[in-house]
Amino acid sequence: MRAIERIKKYFSSNYEVLAAIIIFTIVLVAKLEFYKTIILMLEFIVLMEVAKMISDFIKKEKLRLRFVIDIFIIFLIRDVIIYTSNTNKDYFTILFLLFVIFVFFIFRILAIKYSPGIVKLHQGNKEEHE
C-alpha cells in the first residue's frame, strides 16, 4: 500500500512521465510507426510555438526572437528525423541540417544573453551599486 502511495506521489509531480506512458501505449495499440509519431508531435510543438508567438505579439506588440528561433530549431529537428529514417540517407543534407541547428542554437544563446530586457536589468544593478 505504501508503494502505491509513492507511485501516486511520483506521477502527481512528474506528469510528463505519465503523459509519455499514455502516448507510448497509444502508439503501440494503434500500431503506428514510431518515427512518424515523433514527427507529428514535433509538428504539434511547432504549431504551439507559432500560436504562442502570435499571442505574445498581439498582447505585448513585440516579437520575441527566441520564439522564432525555437520554431526553426524544432522544425529542423523534425527534418533531421525524417531524413535519418529514410532508407536512402542523404548524409550531406543531414550534416547540413545539423550545422544549421547548431548555428540557430548559437543565435538562441546570443538572443538570450543580449536581450534588451536583460541589458536594462544589468544597467539597473550597476546604477544601484554606484
Protein backbone atom coordinates (compact mmCIF):
# COMPACT_ATOMS: atom_id res chain seq x y z
CA MET A 1 0.00 0.00 0.00
CA ARG A 2 2.87 2.35 0.75
CA ALA A 3 4.38 1.65 -2.66
CA ILE A 4 1.14 2.69 -4.39
CA GLU A 5 1.17 5.99 -2.49
CA ARG A 6 4.76 6.60 -3.56
CA ILE A 7 3.84 5.88 -7.19
CA LYS A 8 0.86 8.27 -6.99
CA LYS A 9 3.07 10.94 -5.46
CA TYR A 10 5.71 10.45 -8.16
CA PHE A 11 3.21 10.75 -11.03
CA SER A 12 1.48 13.77 -9.47
CA SER A 13 4.73 15.72 -9.54
CA ASN A 14 6.10 14.19 -12.79
CA TYR A 15 3.08 14.22 -15.08
CA GLU A 16 5.36 14.18 -18.15
CA VAL A 17 6.25 10.56 -17.44
CA LEU A 18 2.57 9.64 -17.23
CA ALA A 19 1.84 11.51 -20.48
CA ALA A 20 4.76 9.72 -22.19
CA ILE A 21 3.49 6.33 -20.99
CA ILE A 22 -0.01 7.10 -22.32
CA ILE A 23 1.32 8.29 -25.69
CA PHE A 24 3.61 5.25 -25.95
CA THR A 25 0.69 2.92 -25.16
CA ILE A 26 -1.47 4.59 -27.82
CA VAL A 27 1.37 4.22 -30.36
CA LEU A 28 1.68 0.51 -29.54
CA VAL A 29 -2.07 -0.19 -29.57
CA ALA A 30 -2.67 1.78 -32.79
CA LYS A 31 0.41 0.12 -34.34
CA LEU A 32 1.73 3.46 -35.57
CA GLU A 33 5.27 3.85 -36.80
CA PHE A 34 7.27 5.45 -34.01
CA TYR A 35 9.23 7.93 -36.13
CA LYS A 36 6.01 9.18 -37.74
CA THR A 37 4.55 9.72 -34.28
CA ILE A 38 7.61 11.72 -33.23
CA ILE A 39 7.37 13.80 -36.40
CA LEU A 40 3.69 14.53 -35.73
CA MET A 41 4.46 15.52 -32.14
CA LEU A 42 7.23 17.86 -33.31
CA GLU A 43 4.85 19.42 -35.82
CA PHE A 44 2.36 19.90 -32.97
CA ILE A 45 5.04 21.63 -30.90
CA VAL A 46 5.86 23.91 -33.85
CA LEU A 47 2.19 24.86 -34.11
CA MET A 48 2.04 25.52 -30.35
CA GLU A 49 5.13 27.75 -30.57
CA VAL A 50 3.68 29.68 -33.53
CA ALA A 51 0.41 30.21 -31.63
CA LYS A 52 2.38 31.31 -28.55
CA MET A 53 4.45 33.71 -30.65
CA ILE A 54 1.35 35.23 -32.29
CA SER A 55 -0.42 35.53 -28.94
CA ASP A 56 2.62 37.18 -27.37
CA PHE A 57 2.86 39.57 -30.34
CA ILE A 58 -0.80 40.56 -30.03
CA LYS A 59 -0.60 41.08 -26.25
CA LYS A 60 2.76 42.83 -25.98
CA GLU A 61 3.14 44.14 -29.54
CA LYS A 62 6.67 42.70 -29.55
CA LEU A 63 8.07 39.76 -31.42
CA ARG A 64 10.47 37.71 -29.33
CA LEU A 65 13.39 36.44 -31.35
CA ARG A 66 13.68 33.43 -29.04
CA PHE A 67 10.26 32.10 -30.11
CA VAL A 68 11.13 32.40 -33.80
CA ILE A 69 14.46 30.63 -33.30
CA ASP A 70 12.80 27.88 -31.23
CA ILE A 71 10.31 27.25 -34.02
CA PHE A 72 13.09 26.91 -36.60
CA ILE A 73 15.12 24.60 -34.35
CA ILE A 74 12.16 22.29 -33.72
CA PHE A 75 11.23 22.27 -37.40
CA LEU A 76 14.82 21.44 -38.41
CA ILE A 77 14.99 18.63 -35.84
CA ARG A 78 11.83 17.24 -37.43
CA ASP A 79 13.53 17.33 -40.84
CA VAL A 80 16.63 15.58 -39.45
CA ILE A 81 14.41 12.80 -38.09
CA ILE A 82 12.69 12.45 -41.47
CA TYR A 83 16.00 12.29 -43.37
CA THR A 84 17.64 9.85 -40.94
CA SER A 85 14.66 7.50 -41.01
CA ASN A 86 14.68 7.40 -44.81
CA THR A 87 16.17 4.24 -46.31
CA ASN A 88 18.25 6.24 -48.84
CA LYS A 89 20.00 8.59 -46.45
CA ASP A 90 21.47 11.78 -47.81
CA TYR A 91 24.27 12.33 -45.29
CA PHE A 92 25.25 15.72 -46.69
CA THR A 93 21.72 17.04 -46.11
CA ILE A 94 21.65 15.58 -42.60
CA LEU A 95 25.01 17.13 -41.71
CA PHE A 96 23.98 20.45 -43.21
CA LEU A 97 20.76 20.47 -41.17
CA LEU A 98 22.70 19.63 -38.00
CA PHE A 99 25.08 22.51 -38.75
CA VAL A 100 22.15 24.89 -39.25
CA ILE A 101 20.62 23.69 -35.94
CA PHE A 102 23.97 24.38 -34.25
CA VAL A 103 24.03 27.90 -35.71
CA PHE A 104 20.47 28.53 -34.53
CA PHE A 105 21.43 27.33 -31.04
CA ILE A 106 24.25 29.88 -31.02
CA PHE A 107 21.79 32.57 -32.15
CA ARG A 108 19.39 31.49 -29.41
CA ILE A 109 22.07 31.78 -26.75
CA LEU A 110 23.07 35.21 -28.07
CA ALA A 111 19.43 36.31 -28.21
CA ILE A 112 19.01 35.40 -24.55
CA LYS A 113 22.34 36.86 -23.46
CA TYR A 114 21.87 40.17 -25.26
CA SER A 115 18.11 40.52 -24.73
CA PRO A 116 17.05 44.17 -24.27
CA GLY A 117 15.19 43.29 -21.06
CA ILE A 118 18.28 41.68 -19.57
CA VAL A 119 20.52 44.61 -20.58
CA LYS A 120 18.16 47.01 -18.78
CA LEU A 121 18.24 44.78 -15.71
CA HIS A 122 22.07 44.75 -15.68
CA GLN A 123 22.23 48.52 -16.15
CA GLY A 124 19.82 48.99 -13.24
CA ASN A 125 22.03 46.85 -10.99
CA LYS A 126 25.12 48.88 -11.96
CA GLU A 127 23.36 52.15 -11.09
CA GLU A 128 22.33 50.78 -7.68
CA HIS A 129 25.91 49.86 -6.80
CA GLU A 130 27.32 53.28 -7.73
